[in-house]
């Protein structure tokens, strides 16, 4: 066999091997590359909005303020005990929330969850302080909601002092559509 025939045969074999390897790699990694639910569960943020308003799951959200404090005061100006651990800070987010058509207002309230997030991917759930001047959830009997009428809600979080400088905003999400929005201050 001549040298030209060997070289062309080697080139064809190398190309075929490369095509088979790339096809095999694609077939193996395809479920991991486009598994929307897995990526959502890992904390993917789909949109970032500055203050809002943004509508997620038929609820319009607008972040009015995000403040860190060491004490929380009730309606009468007295300190609310949150049983926060030493070295922690209380973060209060004030939001304007508007239920839109499509929200089920049961007993003039609905579910409105928002988690606090930092730039490291950590999240914190809300706390429920008693006697806070604003409602801390959207199902409060003392503060009923009306369709298409905005109302203020406070979300209270207890975070480590070291995380305060890394806070980026609140995360609201649509669990059904796997859609997550970060509302920044």
N, C-alpha and C. Protein backbone atom coordinates (compact mmCIF):
# COMPACT_ATOMS: atom_id res chain seq x y z
N UNK A 1 0.84 -1.17 0.00
CA UNK A 1 0.00 0.00 0.00
C UNK A 1 0.89 1.24 0.00
N UNK A 2 0.50 2.20 -0.76
CA UNK A 2 1.28 3.42 -0.88
C UNK A 2 1.05 4.32 0.32
N UNK A 3 1.97 5.21 0.55
CA UNK A 3 1.92 6.12 1.70
C UNK A 3 0.71 7.05 1.62
N UNK A 4 0.33 7.50 0.44
CA UNK A 4 -0.84 8.37 0.28
C UNK A 4 -2.13 7.65 0.68
N UNK A 5 -2.24 6.35 0.36
CA UNK A 5 -3.41 5.58 0.73
C UNK A 5 -3.52 5.37 2.23
N UNK A 6 -2.35 5.15 2.85
CA UNK A 6 -2.34 4.97 4.31
C UNK A 6 -2.74 6.26 5.02
N UNK A 7 -2.24 7.37 4.57
CA UNK A 7 -2.56 8.66 5.20
C UNK A 7 -4.05 8.96 5.06
N UNK A 8 -4.60 8.76 3.87
CA UNK A 8 -6.03 9.05 3.71
C UNK A 8 -6.88 8.09 4.54
N UNK A 9 -6.46 6.83 4.61
CA UNK A 9 -7.18 5.86 5.44
C UNK A 9 -7.12 6.26 6.92
N UNK A 10 -5.97 6.71 7.38
CA UNK A 10 -5.80 7.15 8.77
C UNK A 10 -6.65 8.40 9.06
N UNK A 11 -6.72 9.32 8.13
CA UNK A 11 -7.53 10.53 8.30
C UNK A 11 -9.01 10.16 8.40
N UNK A 12 -9.48 9.25 7.55
CA UNK A 12 -10.88 8.83 7.57
C UNK A 12 -11.20 8.12 8.88
N UNK A 13 -10.31 7.23 9.32
CA UNK A 13 -10.53 6.50 10.58
C UNK A 13 -10.54 7.46 11.77
N UNK A 14 -9.64 8.43 11.77
CA UNK A 14 -9.58 9.40 12.87
C UNK A 14 -10.85 10.25 12.90
N UNK A 15 -11.33 10.65 11.73
CA UNK A 15 -12.56 11.43 11.66
C UNK A 15 -13.76 10.64 12.15
N UNK A 16 -13.83 9.38 11.77
CA UNK A 16 -14.91 8.51 12.21
C UNK A 16 -14.86 8.30 13.72
N UNK A 17 -13.67 8.08 14.26
CA UNK A 17 -13.52 7.91 15.71
C UNK A 17 -13.94 9.18 16.46
N UNK A 18 -13.54 10.33 15.95
CA UNK A 18 -13.92 11.60 16.57
C UNK A 18 -15.43 11.81 16.51
N UNK A 19 -16.06 11.47 15.39
CA UNK A 19 -17.52 11.60 15.27
C UNK A 19 -18.23 10.68 16.25
N UNK A 20 -17.76 9.45 16.38
CA UNK A 20 -18.38 8.51 17.32
C UNK A 20 -18.20 8.96 18.77
N UNK A 21 -17.02 9.45 19.12
CA UNK A 21 -16.78 9.95 20.49
C UNK A 21 -17.67 11.15 20.81
N UNK A 22 -17.78 12.08 19.88
CA UNK A 22 -18.60 13.27 20.16
C UNK A 22 -20.08 12.91 20.23
N UNK A 23 -20.54 11.99 19.40
CA UNK A 23 -21.94 11.54 19.47
C UNK A 23 -22.22 10.83 20.80
N UNK A 24 -21.31 9.98 21.21
CA UNK A 24 -21.47 9.27 22.49
C UNK A 24 -21.48 10.22 23.66
N UNK A 25 -20.61 11.22 23.65
CA UNK A 25 -20.56 12.21 24.72
C UNK A 25 -21.86 13.01 24.76
N UNK A 26 -22.35 13.43 23.61
CA UNK A 26 -23.60 14.18 23.55
C UNK A 26 -24.77 13.36 24.09
N UNK A 27 -24.86 12.09 23.67
CA UNK A 27 -25.96 11.23 24.12
C UNK A 27 -25.89 11.01 25.63
N UNK A 28 -24.67 10.88 26.19
CA UNK A 28 -24.54 10.67 27.63
C UNK A 28 -24.87 11.92 28.43
N UNK A 29 -24.47 13.09 27.94
CA UNK A 29 -24.64 14.33 28.71
C UNK A 29 -25.96 15.05 28.44
N UNK A 30 -26.67 14.67 27.39
CA UNK A 30 -27.91 15.35 27.03
C UNK A 30 -28.92 15.42 28.17
N UNK A 31 -29.18 14.34 28.92
CA UNK A 31 -30.15 14.46 30.02
C UNK A 31 -29.71 15.45 31.09
N UNK A 32 -28.42 15.63 31.28
CA UNK A 32 -27.95 16.55 32.31
C UNK A 32 -27.93 17.99 31.82
N UNK A 33 -27.74 18.19 30.53
CA UNK A 33 -27.62 19.54 30.00
C UNK A 33 -28.95 20.26 29.89
N UNK A 34 -30.03 19.54 29.64
CA UNK A 34 -31.30 20.21 29.46
C UNK A 34 -32.39 19.68 30.39
N UNK A 35 -32.03 19.21 31.56
CA UNK A 35 -33.01 18.77 32.54
C UNK A 35 -33.46 20.00 33.32
N UNK A 36 -34.55 20.60 32.85
CA UNK A 36 -35.03 21.87 33.40
C UNK A 36 -35.36 21.77 34.88
N UNK A 37 -35.97 20.68 35.30
CA UNK A 37 -36.35 20.54 36.71
C UNK A 37 -35.11 20.44 37.61
N UNK A 38 -34.10 19.70 37.17
CA UNK A 38 -32.87 19.57 37.96
C UNK A 38 -32.17 20.92 38.08
N UNK A 39 -32.09 21.65 36.97
CA UNK A 39 -31.44 22.97 36.99
C UNK A 39 -32.22 23.92 37.89
N UNK A 40 -33.55 23.86 37.86
CA UNK A 40 -34.38 24.68 38.73
C UNK A 40 -34.13 24.33 40.20
N UNK A 41 -34.06 23.05 40.51
CA UNK A 41 -33.84 22.61 41.90
C UNK A 41 -32.46 23.02 42.41
N UNK A 42 -31.52 23.26 41.53
CA UNK A 42 -30.19 23.71 41.93
C UNK A 42 -30.13 25.21 42.19
N UNK A 43 -31.26 25.91 41.98
CA UNK A 43 -31.32 27.33 42.35
C UNK A 43 -31.18 28.31 41.21
N UNK A 44 -31.42 27.90 40.00
CA UNK A 44 -31.29 28.80 38.86
C UNK A 44 -32.22 30.01 39.00
N UNK A 45 -31.68 31.18 38.70
CA UNK A 45 -32.46 32.42 38.65
C UNK A 45 -32.73 32.72 37.18
N UNK A 46 -34.01 32.87 36.82
CA UNK A 46 -34.36 33.11 35.42
C UNK A 46 -34.34 34.59 35.05
N UNK A 47 -34.77 35.44 35.97
CA UNK A 47 -34.81 36.88 35.71
C UNK A 47 -34.33 37.63 36.95
N UNK A 48 -33.70 38.77 36.72
CA UNK A 48 -33.33 39.68 37.80
C UNK A 48 -34.01 41.01 37.51
N UNK A 49 -34.76 41.50 38.49
CA UNK A 49 -35.53 42.72 38.33
C UNK A 49 -35.14 43.68 39.46
N UNK A 50 -34.92 44.93 39.11
CA UNK A 50 -34.59 45.93 40.12
C UNK A 50 -35.88 46.50 40.69
N UNK A 51 -36.20 46.18 41.91
CA UNK A 51 -37.35 46.61 42.70
C UNK A 51 -38.70 46.14 42.18
N UNK A 52 -38.86 45.98 40.93
CA UNK A 52 -40.14 45.56 40.37
C UNK A 52 -40.90 46.75 39.84
N UNK A 53 -42.13 46.58 39.51
CA UNK A 53 -42.97 45.42 39.76
C UNK A 53 -42.70 44.28 38.78
N UNK A 54 -42.93 43.08 39.27
CA UNK A 54 -42.82 41.88 38.46
C UNK A 54 -43.96 40.95 38.85
N UNK A 55 -44.56 40.30 37.88
CA UNK A 55 -45.68 39.39 38.15
C UNK A 55 -45.20 37.95 38.05
N UNK A 56 -45.38 37.21 39.13
CA UNK A 56 -45.02 35.80 39.19
C UNK A 56 -46.20 35.06 39.80
N UNK A 57 -46.69 34.06 39.11
CA UNK A 57 -47.81 33.23 39.54
C UNK A 57 -49.03 34.08 39.89
N UNK A 58 -49.36 35.03 39.03
CA UNK A 58 -50.53 35.91 39.14
C UNK A 58 -50.48 36.84 40.35
N UNK A 59 -49.28 37.09 40.86
CA UNK A 59 -49.11 38.05 41.96
C UNK A 59 -48.06 39.05 41.51
N UNK A 60 -48.41 40.33 41.64
CA UNK A 60 -47.46 41.39 41.30
C UNK A 60 -46.67 41.78 42.55
N UNK A 61 -45.35 41.78 42.43
CA UNK A 61 -44.44 42.07 43.54
C UNK A 61 -43.67 43.36 43.25
N UNK A 62 -43.51 44.18 44.29
CA UNK A 62 -42.66 45.37 44.20
C UNK A 62 -41.93 45.50 45.53
N UNK A 63 -40.60 45.51 45.48
CA UNK A 63 -39.78 45.63 46.68
C UNK A 63 -39.63 47.10 47.03
N UNK A 64 -40.22 47.49 48.17
CA UNK A 64 -40.14 48.89 48.61
C UNK A 64 -38.86 49.17 49.38
N UNK A 65 -38.46 48.25 50.27
CA UNK A 65 -37.23 48.45 51.03
C UNK A 65 -36.71 47.11 51.55
N UNK A 66 -35.41 47.08 51.80
CA UNK A 66 -34.73 45.92 52.38
C UNK A 66 -33.73 46.47 53.38
N UNK A 67 -34.04 46.28 54.68
CA UNK A 67 -33.22 46.89 55.73
C UNK A 67 -32.78 45.85 56.74
N UNK A 68 -31.54 46.00 57.21
CA UNK A 68 -31.01 45.16 58.28
C UNK A 68 -31.09 45.93 59.59
N UNK A 69 -31.48 45.22 60.66
CA UNK A 69 -31.63 45.85 61.97
C UNK A 69 -31.26 44.83 63.05
N UNK A 70 -31.07 45.31 64.25
CA UNK A 70 -30.76 44.40 65.36
C UNK A 70 -31.98 44.13 66.22
N UNK A 71 -32.98 45.03 66.17
CA UNK A 71 -34.21 44.83 66.94
C UNK A 71 -35.42 45.07 66.06
N UNK A 72 -36.51 44.46 66.45
CA UNK A 72 -37.76 44.60 65.73
C UNK A 72 -38.79 45.14 66.72
N UNK A 73 -39.53 46.19 66.31
CA UNK A 73 -40.50 46.82 67.20
C UNK A 73 -41.92 46.48 66.78
N UNK A 74 -42.80 46.29 67.78
CA UNK A 74 -44.20 45.98 67.48
C UNK A 74 -45.00 47.26 67.30
N UNK A 75 -46.32 47.14 67.24
CA UNK A 75 -47.22 48.28 67.02
C UNK A 75 -47.11 49.35 68.10
N UNK A 76 -46.78 48.90 69.33
CA UNK A 76 -46.69 49.81 70.47
C UNK A 76 -45.28 50.33 70.70
N UNK A 77 -44.33 49.97 69.84
CA UNK A 77 -42.95 50.43 70.00
C UNK A 77 -42.12 49.57 70.92
N UNK A 78 -42.63 48.42 71.32
CA UNK A 78 -41.88 47.52 72.19
C UNK A 78 -41.13 46.49 71.35
N UNK A 79 -40.03 46.00 71.89
CA UNK A 79 -39.18 45.04 71.18
C UNK A 79 -39.87 43.69 71.03
N UNK A 80 -39.83 43.15 69.83
CA UNK A 80 -40.35 41.80 69.56
C UNK A 80 -39.21 40.82 69.69
N UNK A 81 -39.39 39.80 70.50
CA UNK A 81 -38.36 38.78 70.66
C UNK A 81 -38.49 37.76 69.53
N UNK A 82 -37.39 37.59 68.79
CA UNK A 82 -37.39 36.65 67.67
C UNK A 82 -36.56 35.40 68.00
N UNK A 83 -36.00 35.32 69.19
CA UNK A 83 -35.12 34.21 69.58
C UNK A 83 -34.01 34.00 68.55
N UNK A 84 -33.44 35.12 68.09
CA UNK A 84 -32.37 35.04 67.12
C UNK A 84 -31.07 34.62 67.81
N UNK A 85 -30.28 33.80 67.16
CA UNK A 85 -29.01 33.38 67.75
C UNK A 85 -28.02 34.54 67.82
N UNK A 86 -27.04 34.40 68.69
CA UNK A 86 -26.01 35.44 68.82
C UNK A 86 -25.27 35.58 67.49
N UNK A 87 -24.96 36.81 67.12
CA UNK A 87 -24.24 37.06 65.88
C UNK A 87 -25.14 37.09 64.66
N UNK A 88 -26.44 37.24 64.86
CA UNK A 88 -27.35 37.29 63.72
C UNK A 88 -27.98 38.67 63.60
N UNK A 89 -28.54 38.93 62.46
CA UNK A 89 -29.15 40.22 62.16
C UNK A 89 -30.55 39.95 61.63
N UNK A 90 -31.47 40.85 61.93
CA UNK A 90 -32.84 40.75 61.42
C UNK A 90 -32.92 41.62 60.17
N UNK A 91 -33.39 41.02 59.08
CA UNK A 91 -33.55 41.74 57.82
C UNK A 91 -35.05 41.83 57.54
N UNK A 92 -35.52 43.05 57.29
CA UNK A 92 -36.95 43.28 57.01
C UNK A 92 -37.09 43.80 55.58
N UNK A 93 -37.88 43.08 54.81
CA UNK A 93 -38.20 43.50 53.44
C UNK A 93 -39.65 43.97 53.44
N UNK A 94 -39.88 45.17 52.95
CA UNK A 94 -41.24 45.69 52.80
C UNK A 94 -41.59 45.62 51.32
N UNK A 95 -42.71 44.96 51.05
CA UNK A 95 -43.14 44.73 49.67
C UNK A 95 -44.55 45.25 49.45
N UNK A 96 -44.83 45.66 48.23
CA UNK A 96 -46.19 45.95 47.82
C UNK A 96 -46.62 44.77 46.96
N UNK A 97 -47.66 44.07 47.40
CA UNK A 97 -48.12 42.86 46.75
C UNK A 97 -49.53 43.09 46.22
N UNK A 98 -49.76 42.70 44.96
CA UNK A 98 -51.07 42.87 44.35
C UNK A 98 -51.52 41.53 43.75
N UNK A 99 -52.59 40.93 44.29
CA UNK A 99 -53.11 39.70 43.67
C UNK A 99 -53.83 40.05 42.37
N UNK A 100 -53.51 39.33 41.32
CA UNK A 100 -54.13 39.55 40.00
C UNK A 100 -55.07 38.40 39.66
N UNK A 101 -55.79 38.56 38.59
CA UNK A 101 -56.73 37.53 38.14
C UNK A 101 -55.97 36.21 37.97
N UNK A 102 -56.50 35.17 38.57
CA UNK A 102 -55.85 33.86 38.54
C UNK A 102 -55.43 33.40 39.91
N UNK A 103 -55.38 34.33 40.88
CA UNK A 103 -55.04 33.99 42.26
C UNK A 103 -56.32 33.58 42.99
N UNK A 104 -56.25 32.51 43.73
CA UNK A 104 -57.39 32.05 44.51
C UNK A 104 -57.32 32.73 45.88
N UNK A 105 -58.23 33.67 46.13
CA UNK A 105 -58.28 34.38 47.40
C UNK A 105 -59.17 33.60 48.36
N UNK A 106 -58.58 32.72 49.14
CA UNK A 106 -59.33 31.95 50.13
C UNK A 106 -59.38 32.76 51.42
N UNK A 107 -60.57 33.04 51.90
CA UNK A 107 -60.77 33.86 53.10
C UNK A 107 -60.03 35.19 52.98
N UNK A 108 -60.03 35.75 51.75
CA UNK A 108 -59.41 37.05 51.45
C UNK A 108 -57.91 37.06 51.70
N UNK A 109 -57.28 35.91 51.48
CA UNK A 109 -55.84 35.78 51.59
C UNK A 109 -55.32 34.77 50.59
N UNK A 110 -54.01 34.73 50.42
CA UNK A 110 -53.39 33.81 49.46
C UNK A 110 -51.95 33.55 49.92
N UNK A 111 -51.29 32.62 49.26
CA UNK A 111 -49.91 32.29 49.61
C UNK A 111 -48.97 33.23 48.87
N UNK A 112 -48.07 33.85 49.62
CA UNK A 112 -47.07 34.72 48.99
C UNK A 112 -45.73 34.51 49.69
N UNK A 113 -44.94 33.63 49.13
CA UNK A 113 -43.63 33.31 49.70
C UNK A 113 -42.54 34.06 48.95
N UNK A 114 -41.57 34.55 49.69
CA UNK A 114 -40.39 35.19 49.12
C UNK A 114 -39.22 34.85 50.02
N UNK A 115 -38.17 34.30 49.45
CA UNK A 115 -36.98 33.95 50.21
C UNK A 115 -35.91 35.00 49.99
N UNK A 116 -35.12 35.23 51.03
CA UNK A 116 -33.99 36.15 50.94
C UNK A 116 -32.80 35.38 50.38
N UNK A 117 -32.02 36.00 49.50
CA UNK A 117 -30.90 35.30 48.86
C UNK A 117 -29.65 36.17 48.90
N UNK A 118 -28.50 35.50 49.00
CA UNK A 118 -27.24 36.22 48.92
C UNK A 118 -26.49 35.82 47.65
N UNK A 119 -25.35 36.47 47.40
CA UNK A 119 -24.61 36.22 46.17
C UNK A 119 -23.86 34.89 46.18
N UNK A 120 -23.92 34.15 47.26
CA UNK A 120 -23.30 32.83 47.36
C UNK A 120 -24.30 31.71 47.10
N UNK A 121 -25.57 32.06 46.86
CA UNK A 121 -26.60 31.07 46.61
C UNK A 121 -27.36 30.62 47.85
N UNK A 122 -27.03 31.18 49.02
CA UNK A 122 -27.75 30.83 50.25
C UNK A 122 -29.11 31.51 50.26
N UNK A 123 -30.11 30.83 50.82
CA UNK A 123 -31.44 31.43 50.95
C UNK A 123 -31.94 31.28 52.38
N UNK A 124 -32.83 32.19 52.79
CA UNK A 124 -33.43 32.16 54.11
C UNK A 124 -34.94 32.26 53.97
N UNK A 125 -35.64 31.47 54.76
CA UNK A 125 -37.10 31.50 54.80
C UNK A 125 -37.56 32.61 55.73
N UNK A 126 -38.82 32.99 55.58
CA UNK A 126 -39.38 34.07 56.41
C UNK A 126 -39.67 33.59 57.82
N UNK A 127 -39.64 34.54 58.73
CA UNK A 127 -40.03 34.32 60.13
C UNK A 127 -41.38 35.02 60.33
N UNK A 128 -42.09 34.63 61.37
CA UNK A 128 -43.42 35.20 61.63
C UNK A 128 -43.45 35.91 62.99
N UNK A 129 -42.99 37.16 63.07
CA UNK A 129 -43.06 37.87 64.34
C UNK A 129 -44.51 38.27 64.65
N UNK A 130 -44.87 38.16 65.92
CA UNK A 130 -46.21 38.55 66.34
C UNK A 130 -46.25 40.05 66.61
N UNK A 131 -47.38 40.67 66.33
CA UNK A 131 -47.65 42.09 66.59
C UNK A 131 -46.79 43.03 65.76
N UNK A 132 -46.26 42.60 64.64
CA UNK A 132 -45.53 43.50 63.76
C UNK A 132 -46.56 44.42 63.09
N UNK A 133 -46.24 45.70 62.87
CA UNK A 133 -47.22 46.64 62.33
C UNK A 133 -47.79 46.26 60.96
N UNK A 134 -47.00 45.60 60.12
CA UNK A 134 -47.49 45.17 58.82
C UNK A 134 -47.76 43.67 58.84
N UNK A 135 -48.65 43.18 58.00
CA UNK A 135 -48.83 41.72 57.93
C UNK A 135 -47.54 41.07 57.42
N UNK A 136 -47.22 39.90 57.93
CA UNK A 136 -46.01 39.20 57.51
C UNK A 136 -46.31 38.03 56.58
N UNK A 137 -47.56 37.84 56.26
CA UNK A 137 -47.96 36.86 55.25
C UNK A 137 -49.26 37.34 54.63
N UNK A 138 -49.64 36.75 53.53
CA UNK A 138 -50.78 37.26 52.76
C UNK A 138 -52.09 36.56 53.11
N UNK A 139 -52.17 35.96 54.29
CA UNK A 139 -53.40 35.32 54.71
C UNK A 139 -53.83 35.80 56.09
N UNK A 140 -53.43 37.00 56.45
CA UNK A 140 -53.71 37.58 57.76
C UNK A 140 -55.17 38.04 57.83
N UNK A 141 -55.92 37.55 58.83
CA UNK A 141 -57.33 37.93 58.97
C UNK A 141 -57.50 39.42 59.25
N UNK A 142 -56.54 40.03 59.93
CA UNK A 142 -56.63 41.45 60.26
C UNK A 142 -56.33 42.34 59.06
N UNK A 143 -55.71 41.80 58.03
CA UNK A 143 -55.34 42.57 56.84
C UNK A 143 -55.80 41.80 55.60
N UNK A 144 -57.09 41.83 55.28
CA UNK A 144 -57.58 41.07 54.12
C UNK A 144 -57.11 41.69 52.80
N UNK A 145 -56.98 40.83 51.80
CA UNK A 145 -56.57 41.26 50.47
C UNK A 145 -57.76 41.28 49.54
N UNK A 146 -57.70 42.18 48.57
CA UNK A 146 -58.73 42.31 47.56
C UNK A 146 -58.06 42.19 46.19
N UNK A 147 -58.73 41.52 45.26
CA UNK A 147 -58.20 41.33 43.92
C UNK A 147 -57.87 42.67 43.28
N UNK A 148 -56.69 42.76 42.68
CA UNK A 148 -56.20 43.93 41.94
C UNK A 148 -56.01 45.17 42.82
N UNK A 149 -55.94 44.99 44.13
CA UNK A 149 -55.71 46.12 45.03
C UNK A 149 -54.37 45.89 45.75
N UNK A 150 -53.40 46.81 45.59
CA UNK A 150 -52.09 46.62 46.23
C UNK A 150 -52.17 46.77 47.75
N UNK A 151 -51.35 46.00 48.44
CA UNK A 151 -51.25 46.07 49.90
C UNK A 151 -49.79 45.81 50.29
N UNK A 152 -49.39 46.38 51.41
CA UNK A 152 -48.02 46.18 51.88
C UNK A 152 -47.93 44.96 52.77
N UNK A 153 -46.79 44.25 52.62
CA UNK A 153 -46.47 43.06 53.40
C UNK A 153 -45.02 43.18 53.82
N UNK A 154 -44.73 42.73 55.02
CA UNK A 154 -43.34 42.69 55.50
C UNK A 154 -42.88 41.24 55.55
N UNK A 155 -41.68 41.00 55.06
CA UNK A 155 -41.05 39.68 55.17
C UNK A 155 -39.85 39.86 56.09
N UNK A 156 -39.78 39.02 57.12
CA UNK A 156 -38.74 39.14 58.14
C UNK A 156 -37.85 37.91 58.09
N UNK A 157 -36.54 38.13 58.10
CA UNK A 157 -35.56 37.06 58.01
C UNK A 157 -34.50 37.23 59.10
N UNK A 158 -33.98 36.12 59.58
CA UNK A 158 -32.86 36.14 60.51
C UNK A 158 -31.67 35.54 59.79
N UNK A 159 -30.61 36.35 59.60
CA UNK A 159 -29.43 35.91 58.86
C UNK A 159 -28.17 36.12 59.69
N UNK A 160 -27.11 35.38 59.42
CA UNK A 160 -25.84 35.62 60.11
C UNK A 160 -25.30 37.00 59.74
N UNK A 161 -24.63 37.62 60.68
CA UNK A 161 -24.09 38.96 60.46
C UNK A 161 -23.13 38.99 59.27
N UNK A 162 -22.38 37.91 59.07
CA UNK A 162 -21.41 37.86 57.97
C UNK A 162 -22.08 37.82 56.60
N UNK A 163 -23.35 37.46 56.52
CA UNK A 163 -24.04 37.35 55.24
C UNK A 163 -24.69 38.66 54.79
N UNK A 164 -24.82 39.64 55.70
CA UNK A 164 -25.56 40.87 55.39
C UNK A 164 -24.95 41.61 54.20
N UNK A 165 -23.64 41.69 54.13
CA UNK A 165 -23.01 42.42 53.02
C UNK A 165 -23.14 41.69 51.69
N UNK A 166 -23.52 40.42 51.71
CA UNK A 166 -23.65 39.63 50.50
C UNK A 166 -25.10 39.47 50.02
N UNK A 167 -26.07 40.06 50.73
CA UNK A 167 -27.47 39.91 50.35
C UNK A 167 -27.73 40.58 49.00
N UNK A 168 -28.47 39.88 48.14
CA UNK A 168 -28.74 40.42 46.80
C UNK A 168 -30.20 40.79 46.60
N UNK A 169 -31.13 40.15 47.31
CA UNK A 169 -32.53 40.48 47.13
C UNK A 169 -33.45 39.34 47.51
N UNK A 170 -34.69 39.44 47.06
CA UNK A 170 -35.71 38.43 47.36
C UNK A 170 -36.00 37.59 46.13
N UNK A 171 -36.24 36.31 46.39
CA UNK A 171 -36.55 35.38 45.31
C UNK A 171 -38.02 35.00 45.42
N UNK A 172 -38.76 35.21 44.33
CA UNK A 172 -40.14 34.74 44.22
C UNK A 172 -40.16 33.76 43.07
N UNK A 173 -40.99 32.72 43.21
CA UNK A 173 -40.93 31.69 42.18
C UNK A 173 -42.28 31.09 41.87
N UNK A 174 -42.36 30.55 40.67
CA UNK A 174 -43.52 29.81 40.20
C UNK A 174 -43.11 28.35 40.21
N UNK A 175 -43.64 27.60 41.17
CA UNK A 175 -43.25 26.21 41.35
C UNK A 175 -43.72 25.32 40.21
N UNK A 176 -44.80 25.70 39.57
CA UNK A 176 -45.35 24.87 38.50
C UNK A 176 -44.55 25.05 37.21
N UNK A 177 -44.27 26.29 36.85
CA UNK A 177 -43.54 26.59 35.61
C UNK A 177 -42.02 26.52 35.77
N UNK A 178 -41.54 26.30 37.00
CA UNK A 178 -40.10 26.28 37.29
C UNK A 178 -39.44 27.58 36.85
N UNK A 179 -40.01 28.68 37.33
CA UNK A 179 -39.54 30.01 36.98
C UNK A 179 -39.23 30.77 38.28
N UNK A 180 -38.03 31.32 38.37
CA UNK A 180 -37.59 32.00 39.59
C UNK A 180 -37.09 33.40 39.22
N UNK A 181 -37.55 34.40 40.00
CA UNK A 181 -37.17 35.80 39.76
C UNK A 181 -36.51 36.36 41.02
N UNK A 182 -35.39 37.06 40.83
CA UNK A 182 -34.70 37.74 41.92
C UNK A 182 -35.04 39.22 41.83
N UNK A 183 -35.63 39.75 42.92
CA UNK A 183 -35.95 41.18 42.98
C UNK A 183 -34.89 41.85 43.84
N UNK A 184 -34.10 42.73 43.23
CA UNK A 184 -33.00 43.40 43.93
C UNK A 184 -33.46 44.77 44.43
N UNK A 185 -32.84 45.24 45.52
CA UNK A 185 -33.21 46.58 46.02
C UNK A 185 -32.72 47.70 45.12
